[in-house]
């Protein structure tokens, strides 16, 4: 028991004391601040037809709880799915493998540590929800703390625990393929988020626990107005029509016993998954079990000339051009990861060439670019990860040659992947869409480079890139960075300004790093 608690404690402290966690925490709080818009805001997050909830304690508590359950599950996986990988890189795992600690004890400790990290963010969001209620609440409503505790306890926490267990299982089963982890979870999350219970008895199958709350909201609006319950609920950032919306008083819900038992069942299911993975855990022994012994090569004695005339040697050719570096960085990006994963990229490029413009631009392109998250996430942080930053930063013109070659190679890769759609838009004469995609390919590369410099790791970009990609697939306008939802020239100018800003910040932070 003592060893279990020690693993949990030290792993939790190691994660929460990192700069990446602090930056992710700040971003999570910034997003959570928008879960319940201020009274004069021009957007809403949960709307039933033309009705919005009155700003009472129940509305704040349940809305922030279900939004936290969904969005923190989305971001949380990428935040915590590197615990075993970190122990592998720091060699702590090999030390642990030499101790009597059992596999299940270690994996359960990692699961609990993941959950505590997400619980820390949830606790701060919980307090922010109470603070926002005190700032925004409508007159006549008082703070009822039970409306905050119940949804977080029965909706949010079981979902986060399941995601914590799922992250450990992914690391055990496909931990050596980080790109595959990101891709598989992307589709798993989308499948779970789009799950629609066919009846009231199927709310137990909703891992996020949000469907029963939104169903009760629709029921209350239906009883109040008599409007149809079908296709009225909208969750997300909905712009406009706030002033024309009507208010209804949401009084919370009573969770039925089957639903409460299902929340316990999801926690138990997560523990059982971890227990099953303990039987196949590698325990930091990466030797191939059936590796054949290599034959020793016969060493041929070579005669070394005693006298070497330097004048007879070929004079070295010094090439300061940028093209060799760009070519090398581009080949490194192409060869990163498993070769068979390029099959998905080729399928995506084929879909861009044959699907409708709307489907290709709004759905396929963000998914295709997200598949490159493993290639972009350590674009400017791999020097720190491999501890060669002192060598690379002391090279000749590290900004004008090294950094610029990395940015150009990554932008060329993203541009190449989107080339079928760019060519189709060019044939149609739609220069605004073409320019937007090119700016988007450059902008996301600069975004990856900037976050890599800030966090000196890859987790922060993975979290935010997944959030941005998911938002674009769901049609959230202000997350559109490649012109899928905007066709006007002013928006293209905004993208140009964004690219210029990211360029200045990226170059500026690299200069700061060189001076440190």
Protein backbone atom coordinates (compact mmCIF):
# COMPACT_ATOMS: atom_id res chain seq x y z
CA UNK A 1 0.00 0.00 0.00
CA UNK A 2 2.84 2.36 0.81
CA UNK A 3 4.50 1.80 -2.55
CA UNK A 4 1.16 2.41 -4.28
CA UNK A 5 0.68 5.75 -2.52
CA UNK A 6 4.28 6.75 -3.23
CA UNK A 7 3.88 6.15 -6.94
CA UNK A 8 0.63 8.14 -6.99
CA UNK A 9 2.07 11.02 -4.97
CA UNK A 10 5.33 11.47 -6.85
CA UNK A 11 3.75 10.99 -10.26
CA UNK A 12 1.05 13.56 -9.46
CA UNK A 13 3.61 16.08 -8.18
CA UNK A 14 5.84 15.57 -11.21
CA UNK A 15 3.00 16.30 -13.62
CA UNK A 16 1.43 19.24 -11.82
CA UNK A 17 4.77 21.02 -11.38
CA UNK A 18 5.52 21.09 -15.10
CA UNK A 19 5.09 24.17 -17.28
CA UNK A 20 2.93 22.19 -19.69
CA UNK A 21 0.40 21.47 -16.95
CA UNK A 22 0.28 25.10 -15.86
CA UNK A 23 -0.29 26.29 -19.42
CA UNK A 24 -2.96 23.64 -19.99
CA UNK A 25 -4.60 24.60 -16.70
CA UNK A 26 -4.76 28.26 -17.71
CA UNK A 27 -6.23 27.35 -21.10
CA UNK A 28 -8.77 25.02 -19.47
CA UNK A 29 -9.90 27.79 -17.13
CA UNK A 30 -10.14 30.21 -20.04
CA UNK A 31 -12.38 27.75 -21.90
CA UNK A 32 -14.39 27.02 -18.76
CA UNK A 33 -14.96 30.77 -18.35
CA UNK A 34 -16.98 30.66 -21.58
CA UNK A 35 -19.16 27.68 -20.58
CA UNK A 36 -21.82 30.05 -19.24
CA UNK A 37 -21.75 33.31 -21.24
CA UNK A 38 -22.05 36.62 -19.51
CA UNK A 39 -25.52 38.20 -19.74
CA UNK A 40 -24.56 40.55 -22.59
CA UNK A 41 -22.61 37.98 -24.63
CA UNK A 42 -23.58 37.29 -28.24
CA UNK A 43 -23.32 33.51 -28.00
CA UNK A 44 -24.76 30.59 -26.06
CA UNK A 45 -23.48 27.13 -25.21
CA UNK A 46 -26.69 25.18 -24.60
CA UNK A 47 -29.91 26.16 -26.33
CA UNK A 48 -33.23 24.37 -26.68
CA UNK A 49 -34.93 25.84 -29.72
CA UNK A 50 -35.24 29.54 -28.91
CA UNK A 51 -35.01 28.97 -25.16
CA UNK A 52 -32.11 29.56 -22.81
CA UNK A 53 -31.96 28.72 -19.13
CA UNK A 54 -32.44 31.38 -16.52
CA UNK A 55 -29.23 32.09 -14.64
CA UNK A 56 -29.96 30.20 -11.45
CA UNK A 57 -27.75 27.79 -9.49
CA UNK A 58 -29.11 24.71 -11.27
CA UNK A 59 -28.33 26.09 -14.73
CA UNK A 60 -24.77 27.07 -13.77
CA UNK A 61 -24.08 23.81 -11.97
CA UNK A 62 -25.42 21.41 -14.57
CA UNK A 63 -24.19 23.31 -17.63
CA UNK A 64 -20.62 23.65 -16.33
CA UNK A 65 -20.66 20.00 -15.19
CA UNK A 66 -21.68 18.51 -18.54
CA UNK A 67 -19.44 20.88 -20.52
CA UNK A 68 -16.53 19.93 -18.25
CA UNK A 69 -17.35 16.24 -18.66
CA UNK A 70 -17.19 16.53 -22.46
CA UNK A 71 -14.40 19.04 -23.03
CA UNK A 72 -12.09 17.91 -20.24
CA UNK A 73 -12.49 14.31 -21.37
CA UNK A 74 -11.50 15.52 -24.83
CA UNK A 75 -8.46 17.46 -23.62
CA UNK A 76 -7.68 15.31 -20.61
CA UNK A 77 -6.71 12.20 -22.52
CA UNK A 78 -3.90 14.02 -24.34
CA UNK A 79 -2.83 15.61 -21.07
CA UNK A 80 -2.41 12.38 -19.09
CA UNK A 81 -1.59 9.70 -21.68
CA UNK A 82 2.17 10.01 -21.22
CA UNK A 83 2.74 8.75 -17.67
CA UNK A 84 4.29 5.43 -18.68
CA UNK A 85 6.16 7.07 -21.56
CA UNK A 86 7.73 9.57 -19.14
CA UNK A 87 8.91 6.74 -16.87
CA UNK A 88 10.43 5.03 -19.91
CA UNK A 89 12.38 8.12 -20.98
CA UNK A 90 13.60 8.98 -17.47
CA UNK A 91 14.52 5.31 -16.76
CA UNK A 92 12.36 5.39 -13.63
CA UNK A 93 10.30 2.55 -15.10
CA UNK A 94 13.33 0.25 -15.30
CA UNK A 95 14.04 0.95 -11.64
CA UNK A 96 10.41 0.19 -10.79
CA UNK A 97 10.60 -3.06 -12.77
CA UNK A 98 13.43 -4.20 -10.49
CA UNK A 99 11.24 -3.75 -7.38
CA UNK A 100 8.55 -6.11 -6.01
CA UNK A 101 5.81 -3.70 -7.19
CA UNK A 102 3.29 -5.69 -9.21
CA UNK A 103 2.02 -4.66 -12.64
CA UNK A 104 -1.53 -4.07 -11.48
CA UNK A 105 -0.31 -1.95 -8.56
CA UNK A 106 1.75 0.23 -10.89
CA UNK A 107 -1.02 0.63 -13.48
CA UNK A 108 -3.68 1.34 -10.85
CA UNK A 109 -1.37 4.00 -9.39
CA UNK A 110 -0.96 5.57 -12.85
CA UNK A 111 -4.74 5.54 -13.32
CA UNK A 112 -5.31 7.27 -9.97
CA UNK A 113 -2.58 9.78 -10.76
CA UNK A 114 -4.23 10.58 -14.10
CA UNK A 115 -7.55 11.03 -12.33
CA UNK A 116 -6.05 13.35 -9.70
CA UNK A 117 -4.54 15.54 -12.42
CA UNK A 118 -7.92 15.88 -14.12
CA UNK A 119 -9.61 16.28 -10.73
CA UNK A 120 -7.36 19.25 -9.98
CA UNK A 121 -8.55 21.04 -13.11
CA UNK A 122 -12.16 20.03 -12.38
CA UNK A 123 -11.97 21.46 -8.87
CA UNK A 124 -10.83 24.83 -10.20
CA UNK A 125 -13.56 24.80 -12.85
CA UNK A 126 -16.06 23.96 -10.10
CA UNK A 127 -14.96 26.99 -8.08
CA UNK A 128 -15.03 29.16 -11.20
CA UNK A 129 -18.62 28.07 -11.85
CA UNK A 130 -19.64 29.23 -8.37
CA UNK A 131 -17.79 32.53 -8.87
CA UNK A 132 -19.51 33.09 -12.23
CA UNK A 133 -22.89 32.41 -10.63
CA UNK A 134 -22.22 35.07 -8.02
CA UNK A 135 -21.31 37.50 -10.82
CA UNK A 136 -23.97 36.72 -13.43
CA UNK A 137 -26.98 35.23 -11.60
CA UNK A 138 -30.43 36.65 -12.19
CA UNK A 139 -32.13 38.48 -9.35
CA UNK A 140 -34.23 36.32 -7.09
CA UNK A 141 -31.97 33.25 -7.25
CA UNK A 142 -29.69 32.24 -4.39
CA UNK A 143 -26.70 29.93 -4.31
CA UNK A 144 -27.74 26.32 -3.77
CA UNK A 145 -24.51 24.37 -3.52
CA UNK A 146 -26.28 21.04 -4.07
CA UNK A 147 -26.98 21.98 -7.70
CA UNK A 148 -23.22 22.20 -8.22
CA UNK A 149 -22.14 19.12 -6.24
CA UNK A 150 -24.61 16.58 -7.65
CA UNK A 151 -23.86 17.00 -11.39
CA UNK A 152 -20.10 17.09 -10.85
CA UNK A 153 -20.26 14.03 -8.59
CA UNK A 154 -22.55 11.89 -10.76
CA UNK A 155 -21.77 13.19 -14.26
CA UNK A 156 -18.25 14.61 -14.48
CA UNK A 157 -16.11 12.53 -12.11
CA UNK A 158 -17.03 9.04 -13.42
CA UNK A 159 -16.38 10.18 -17.00
CA UNK A 160 -12.95 11.56 -16.08
CA UNK A 161 -12.03 8.39 -14.20
CA UNK A 162 -12.93 6.28 -17.22
CA UNK A 163 -10.80 8.52 -19.47
CA UNK A 164 -7.92 8.18 -16.98
CA UNK A 165 -8.16 4.38 -17.13
CA UNK A 166 -8.51 4.46 -20.93
CA UNK A 167 -5.31 6.52 -21.21
CA UNK A 168 -3.38 3.89 -19.24
CA UNK A 169 -4.79 1.09 -21.39
CA UNK A 170 -3.84 2.91 -24.59
CA UNK A 171 -0.29 3.37 -23.32
CA UNK A 172 0.03 -0.31 -22.47
CA UNK A 173 -1.49 -1.65 -25.68
CA UNK A 174 -0.31 0.85 -28.32
CA UNK A 175 2.09 3.02 -26.33
CA UNK A 176 4.89 2.66 -28.87
CA UNK A 177 2.71 4.17 -31.60
CA UNK A 178 1.87 7.66 -30.36
CA UNK A 179 0.32 8.70 -33.67
CA UNK A 180 -1.97 5.68 -33.59
CA UNK A 181 -3.01 6.56 -30.03
CA UNK A 182 -4.05 10.04 -31.10
CA UNK A 183 -5.94 8.81 -34.16
CA UNK A 184 -7.75 5.96 -32.39
CA UNK A 185 -8.85 8.15 -29.48
CA UNK A 186 -10.04 10.81 -31.91
CA UNK A 187 -12.50 8.36 -33.48
CA UNK A 188 -13.40 6.78 -30.13
CA UNK A 189 -14.25 10.16 -28.65
CA UNK A 190 -16.28 11.23 -31.68
CA UNK A 191 -18.22 7.95 -31.52
CA UNK A 192 -18.95 8.34 -27.80
CA UNK A 193 -19.89 12.02 -28.19
CA UNK A 194 -22.32 11.32 -31.04
CA UNK A 195 -24.00 8.46 -29.16
CA UNK A 196 -27.75 9.12 -29.00
CA UNK A 197 -29.74 6.94 -26.55
CA UNK A 198 -32.75 5.36 -28.27
CA UNK A 199 -34.75 5.50 -25.05
CA UNK A 200 -34.73 6.65 -21.45
CA UNK A 201 -33.36 3.30 -20.29
CA UNK A 202 -30.25 3.69 -22.45
CA UNK A 203 -28.85 6.75 -20.65
CA UNK A 204 -26.72 4.27 -18.71
CA UNK A 205 -24.64 3.71 -21.86
CA UNK A 206 -23.58 7.36 -22.05
CA UNK A 207 -20.04 7.49 -20.66
CA UNK A 208 -20.05 11.29 -20.38
CA UNK A 209 -23.37 11.31 -18.50
CA UNK A 210 -24.58 14.44 -20.29
CA UNK A 211 -27.46 12.98 -22.31
CA UNK A 212 -29.77 12.51 -19.32
CA UNK A 213 -29.27 16.16 -18.28
CA UNK A 214 -29.94 17.58 -21.75
CA UNK A 215 -32.93 15.25 -22.10
CA UNK A 216 -34.44 16.67 -18.91
CA UNK A 217 -33.81 20.20 -20.16
CA UNK A 218 -35.74 19.41 -23.32
CA UNK A 219 -38.51 17.85 -21.24
CA UNK A 220 -38.89 20.98 -19.13
CA UNK A 221 -39.03 23.23 -22.20
CA UNK A 222 -41.55 20.86 -23.80
CA UNK A 223 -43.78 20.94 -20.71
CA UNK A 224 -43.48 24.72 -20.56
CA UNK A 225 -44.15 25.51 -24.22
CA UNK A 226 -45.50 22.36 -25.83
CA UNK A 227 -42.95 22.52 -28.69
CA UNK A 228 -41.55 19.32 -30.15
CA UNK A 229 -38.56 17.77 -28.42
CA UNK A 230 -36.91 16.60 -31.62
CA UNK A 231 -33.91 18.46 -33.07
CA UNK A 232 -34.21 21.37 -30.63
CA UNK A 233 -31.16 20.92 -28.43
CA UNK A 234 -27.90 22.51 -29.53
CA UNK A 235 -24.65 22.14 -27.58
CA UNK A 236 -21.60 24.15 -28.51
CA UNK A 237 -20.76 27.78 -29.15
CA UNK A 238 -23.79 29.16 -30.97
CA UNK A 239 -23.37 32.73 -32.17
CA UNK A 240 -26.17 35.27 -32.43
CA UNK A 241 -29.92 35.24 -31.68
CA UNK A 242 -29.30 35.60 -27.95
CA UNK A 243 -31.43 38.69 -27.48
CA UNK A 244 -34.36 37.03 -29.27
CA UNK A 245 -34.15 33.94 -27.06
CA UNK A 246 -36.63 33.31 -24.27
CA UNK A 247 -35.78 32.20 -20.75
CA UNK A 248 -37.03 29.16 -18.87
CA UNK A 249 -36.24 28.15 -15.31
CA UNK A 250 -34.29 24.91 -15.07
CA UNK A 251 -34.59 23.35 -11.62
CA UNK A 252 -32.14 20.50 -11.94
CA UNK A 253 -32.93 16.80 -12.24
CA UNK A 254 -33.38 13.78 -10.05
CA UNK A 255 -30.93 11.06 -11.08
CA UNK A 256 -32.65 7.65 -11.20
CA UNK A 257 -31.02 4.71 -9.44
CA UNK A 258 -30.18 2.81 -12.67
CA UNK A 259 -28.24 5.83 -13.88
CA UNK A 260 -26.35 6.13 -10.56
CA UNK A 261 -25.48 2.43 -10.72
CA UNK A 262 -24.28 2.87 -14.29
CA UNK A 263 -21.87 5.62 -13.20
CA UNK A 264 -20.38 3.21 -10.67
CA UNK A 265 -20.30 0.56 -13.40
CA UNK A 266 -18.27 2.83 -15.70
CA UNK A 267 -15.69 3.29 -12.91
CA UNK A 268 -15.55 -0.46 -12.30
CA UNK A 269 -15.28 -1.10 -16.04
CA UNK A 270 -12.29 1.24 -16.20
CA UNK A 271 -10.60 -0.63 -13.35
CA UNK A 272 -11.28 -3.97 -15.05
CA UNK A 273 -9.70 -2.67 -18.28
CA UNK A 274 -6.57 -1.68 -16.36
CA UNK A 275 -6.53 -5.06 -14.62
CA UNK A 276 -6.74 -6.81 -17.98
CA UNK A 277 -3.91 -4.69 -19.38
CA UNK A 278 -1.73 -5.61 -16.38
CA UNK A 279 -1.48 -9.16 -17.73
CA UNK A 280 0.16 -7.94 -20.97
CA UNK A 281 2.12 -5.00 -19.53
CA UNK A 282 5.68 -5.00 -20.87
CA UNK A 283 7.13 -3.96 -17.48
CA UNK A 284 9.69 -1.85 -19.35
CA UNK A 285 11.30 -4.88 -20.99
CA UNK A 286 11.38 -4.01 -24.69
CA UNK A 287 13.47 -6.95 -25.87
CA UNK A 288 11.97 -8.97 -28.70
CA UNK A 289 11.04 -12.43 -27.35
CA UNK A 290 11.92 -14.29 -30.55
CA UNK A 291 14.82 -12.21 -31.71
CA UNK A 292 17.41 -14.37 -33.48
CA UNK A 293 21.00 -14.14 -32.48
CA UNK A 294 22.98 -12.22 -35.02
CA UNK A 295 26.02 -13.87 -36.43
CA UNK A 296 29.24 -12.21 -35.61
CA UNK A 297 30.76 -10.63 -38.62
CA UNK A 298 34.31 -11.54 -39.34
CA UNK A 299 36.58 -8.61 -38.75
CA UNK A 300 39.04 -8.09 -41.55
CA UNK A 301 42.26 -6.50 -40.54
CA UNK A 302 42.77 -3.28 -42.38
CA UNK A 303 46.08 -1.68 -42.90
CA UNK A 304 46.16 1.93 -41.90
CA UNK A 305 48.62 4.05 -43.80
CA UNK A 306 51.20 5.61 -41.57
CA UNK A 307 51.68 8.79 -43.52
CA UNK A 308 48.65 10.82 -44.63
CA UNK A 309 49.26 13.80 -46.85
CA UNK A 310 46.61 16.41 -46.14
CA UNK A 311 47.22 17.98 -49.51
CA UNK A 312 45.96 14.84 -51.22
CA UNK A 313 42.59 14.88 -49.41
CA UNK A 314 39.49 16.25 -51.13
CA UNK A 315 38.86 19.77 -49.87
CA UNK A 316 35.56 20.09 -47.99
CA UNK A 317 32.72 22.01 -49.59
CA UNK A 318 30.86 24.33 -47.24
CA UNK A 319 27.24 24.84 -48.25
CA UNK A 320 25.25 27.44 -46.32
CA UNK A 321 22.15 27.15 -48.51
CA UNK A 322 18.78 26.41 -46.95
CA UNK A 323 17.61 23.71 -49.36
CA UNK A 324 19.61 20.75 -47.90
CA UNK A 325 18.22 21.46 -44.43
CA UNK A 326 14.66 21.78 -45.73
CA UNK A 327 15.05 18.51 -47.65
CA UNK A 328 16.38 16.73 -44.54
CA UNK A 329 13.60 18.05 -42.28
CA UNK A 330 10.98 17.10 -44.87
CA UNK A 331 12.33 13.55 -45.12
CA UNK A 332 12.35 13.28 -41.32
CA UNK A 333 8.68 14.25 -41.25
CA UNK A 334 7.81 11.77 -43.98
CA UNK A 335 9.64 8.89 -42.31
CA UNK A 336 8.32 9.56 -38.81
CA UNK A 337 5.93 6.92 -37.54
CA UNK A 338 4.95 3.65 -39.15
CA UNK A 339 4.91 3.49 -42.94
CA UNK A 340 1.50 1.81 -43.09
CA UNK A 341 -0.07 4.88 -41.46
CA UNK A 342 0.53 6.70 -44.74
CA UNK A 343 -2.31 4.60 -46.13
CA UNK A 344 -4.75 6.80 -44.18
CA UNK A 345 -3.08 9.94 -45.55
CA UNK A 346 -3.40 8.68 -49.11
CA UNK A 347 -7.05 7.78 -48.53
CA UNK A 348 -7.66 11.27 -47.15
CA UNK A 349 -6.01 12.90 -50.16
CA UNK A 350 -8.17 10.75 -52.43
CA UNK A 351 -11.30 11.87 -50.58
CA UNK A 352 -10.24 15.50 -51.00
CA UNK A 353 -10.09 14.91 -54.74
CA UNK A 354 -13.51 13.29 -55.19
CA UNK A 355 -15.89 14.34 -52.39
CA UNK A 356 -18.00 17.49 -52.51
CA UNK A 357 -16.30 20.75 -51.67
CA UNK A 358 -18.26 21.15 -48.44
CA UNK A 359 -17.52 17.64 -47.17
CA UNK A 360 -13.87 17.74 -48.25
CA UNK A 361 -13.16 21.18 -46.82
CA UNK A 362 -15.14 21.01 -43.57
CA UNK A 363 -14.69 17.37 -42.56
CA UNK A 364 -11.92 15.54 -44.42
CA UNK A 365 -9.25 18.27 -44.42
CA UNK A 366 -9.22 18.91 -40.62
CA UNK A 367 -9.15 15.15 -39.97
CA UNK A 368 -6.33 14.65 -42.49
CA UNK A 369 -4.30 17.44 -40.93
CA UNK A 370 -4.99 16.11 -37.44
CA UNK A 371 -3.47 12.78 -38.46
CA UNK A 372 -0.15 14.65 -38.64
CA UNK A 373 -0.30 15.67 -34.96
CA UNK A 374 2.55 13.30 -34.12
CA UNK A 375 4.74 14.85 -36.79
CA UNK A 376 4.03 18.46 -35.79
CA UNK A 377 3.86 18.15 -32.01
CA UNK A 378 7.64 18.01 -31.45
CA UNK A 379 8.62 20.16 -34.41
CA UNK A 380 10.54 22.68 -32.28
CA UNK A 381 10.78 20.74 -29.03
CA UNK A 382 12.57 17.59 -30.21
CA UNK A 383 15.92 19.23 -29.49
CA UNK A 384 14.94 19.53 -25.81
CA UNK A 385 13.38 16.06 -25.73
CA UNK A 386 16.61 14.49 -27.04
CA UNK A 387 18.82 16.92 -25.07
CA UNK A 388 20.71 18.22 -28.07
CA UNK A 389 19.43 21.80 -27.88
CA UNK A 390 22.82 23.16 -26.80
CA UNK A 391 24.36 21.68 -29.93
CA UNK A 392 21.65 22.78 -32.34
CA UNK A 393 21.29 26.26 -30.86
CA UNK A 394 25.02 26.84 -31.27
CA UNK A 395 24.90 25.99 -34.97
CA UNK A 396 25.34 28.56 -37.72
CA UNK A 397 22.36 30.95 -37.81
CA UNK A 398 19.95 28.71 -35.85
CA UNK A 399 16.92 30.90 -36.62
CA UNK A 400 17.49 31.75 -40.27
CA UNK A 401 18.59 28.21 -41.15
CA UNK A 402 17.48 25.59 -38.58
CA UNK A 403 14.13 27.01 -37.42
CA UNK A 404 13.20 28.30 -40.86
CA UNK A 405 13.96 24.92 -42.45
CA UNK A 406 11.71 23.18 -39.90
CA UNK A 407 8.85 25.59 -40.57
CA UNK A 408 9.21 25.37 -44.35
CA UNK A 409 9.37 21.56 -44.33
CA UNK A 410 6.30 21.19 -42.12
CA UNK A 411 4.34 23.77 -44.12
CA UNK A 412 5.27 21.96 -47.33
CA UNK A 413 3.98 18.69 -45.86
CA UNK A 414 0.63 20.19 -44.84
CA UNK A 415 0.34 21.96 -48.19
CA UNK A 416 1.07 18.72 -50.07
CA UNK A 417 -1.62 16.84 -48.16
CA UNK A 418 -4.18 19.51 -49.05
CA UNK A 419 -2.99 19.80 -52.67
CA UNK A 420 -5.93 17.88 -54.26
CA UNK A 421 -8.44 20.28 -52.72
CA UNK A 422 -6.30 23.31 -53.53
CA UNK A 423 -6.08 22.18 -57.16
CA UNK A 424 -9.86 21.73 -57.37
CA UNK A 425 -10.51 25.20 -55.94
CA UNK A 426 -7.94 26.63 -58.36
CA UNK A 427 -9.73 25.03 -61.30
CA UNK A 428 -12.99 26.57 -60.05
CA UNK A 429 -11.36 29.99 -59.72
CA UNK A 430 -12.08 30.18 -55.97
CA UNK A 431 -8.93 32.01 -54.95
CA UNK A 432 -10.25 32.94 -51.50
CA UNK A 433 -10.68 29.29 -50.49
CA UNK A 434 -7.28 28.42 -51.98
CA UNK A 435 -5.56 31.22 -50.08
CA UNK A 436 -7.35 30.27 -46.85
CA UNK A 437 -6.13 26.67 -47.03
CA UNK A 438 -2.54 27.78 -47.71
CA UNK A 439 -2.69 30.20 -44.78
CA UNK A 440 -4.19 27.47 -42.62
CA UNK A 441 -1.36 25.05 -43.44
CA UNK A 442 1.20 27.70 -42.48
CA UNK A 443 -0.73 28.86 -39.41
CA UNK A 444 -1.09 25.42 -37.82
CA UNK A 445 2.64 24.79 -38.29
CA UNK A 446 3.50 28.09 -36.63
CA UNK A 447 1.03 27.26 -33.84
CA UNK A 448 2.80 23.92 -33.26
CA UNK A 449 6.20 25.60 -33.29
CA UNK A 450 5.15 28.28 -30.81
CA UNK A 451 3.55 25.86 -28.34
CA UNK A 452 6.57 23.56 -28.59
CA UNK A 453 8.85 26.42 -27.63
CA UNK A 454 6.60 27.52 -24.77
CA UNK A 455 6.10 24.10 -23.19
CA UNK A 456 9.33 22.39 -24.38
CA UNK A 457 7.16 19.34 -25.01
CA UNK A 458 4.45 18.06 -27.29
CA UNK A 459 1.46 17.52 -25.00
CA UNK A 460 0.14 21.07 -25.08
CA UNK A 461 -0.10 21.15 -28.86
CA UNK A 462 -1.70 17.69 -28.98
CA UNK A 463 -4.40 18.80 -26.54
CA UNK A 464 -5.19 22.08 -28.29
CA UNK A 465 -4.92 20.70 -31.84
CA UNK A 466 -7.45 18.01 -30.97
CA UNK A 467 -9.76 20.65 -29.51
CA UNK A 468 -9.40 22.89 -32.58
CA UNK A 469 -9.94 19.98 -34.99
CA UNK A 470 -13.02 18.77 -33.12
CA UNK A 471 -14.43 22.31 -33.06
CA UNK A 472 -13.94 22.70 -36.83
CA UNK A 473 -15.63 19.38 -37.57
CA UNK A 474 -18.61 20.56 -35.48
CA UNK A 475 -18.73 23.88 -37.35
CA UNK A 476 -17.71 26.33 -34.61
CA UNK A 477 -16.97 29.50 -36.63
CA UNK A 478 -14.31 31.23 -34.52
CA UNK A 479 -12.13 28.09 -34.55
CA UNK A 480 -11.97 28.10 -38.36
CA UNK A 481 -8.30 28.54 -39.26
CA UNK A 482 -8.42 27.37 -42.90
CA UNK A 483 -11.50 29.11 -44.37
CA UNK A 484 -13.96 26.20 -44.24
CA UNK A 485 -16.75 28.28 -42.72
CA UNK A 486 -15.90 31.73 -44.12
CA UNK A 487 -15.72 32.80 -47.75
CA UNK A 488 -15.28 36.57 -47.43
CA UNK A 489 -12.10 38.50 -48.18
CA UNK A 490 -11.98 40.24 -44.73
CA UNK A 491 -11.65 36.85 -43.06
CA UNK A 492 -8.68 36.00 -45.31
CA UNK A 493 -7.06 39.24 -44.16
CA UNK A 494 -7.66 38.15 -40.56
CA UNK A 495 -5.91 34.85 -41.29
CA UNK A 496 -2.99 36.79 -42.78
CA UNK A 497 -2.77 38.88 -39.62
CA UNK A 498 -2.90 35.71 -37.49
CA UNK A 499 -0.07 34.11 -39.48
CA UNK A 500 2.05 37.26 -39.16
CA UNK A 501 1.41 37.36 -35.40
CA UNK A 502 2.34 33.69 -34.96
CA UNK A 503 5.49 34.24 -37.04
CA UNK A 504 6.60 37.16 -34.88
CA UNK A 505 5.92 35.24 -31.65
CA UNK A 506 7.68 32.10 -32.88
CA UNK A 507 10.80 33.96 -33.95
CA UNK A 508 10.73 36.09 -30.80
CA UNK A 509 10.57 33.13 -28.41
CA UNK A 510 13.37 31.36 -30.26
CA UNK A 511 15.55 34.44 -29.78
CA UNK A 512 14.73 34.36 -26.08
CA UNK A 513 15.68 30.66 -25.94
CA UNK A 514 19.02 31.36 -27.59
CA UNK A 515 19.86 33.96 -24.94
CA UNK A 516 19.09 31.63 -22.04
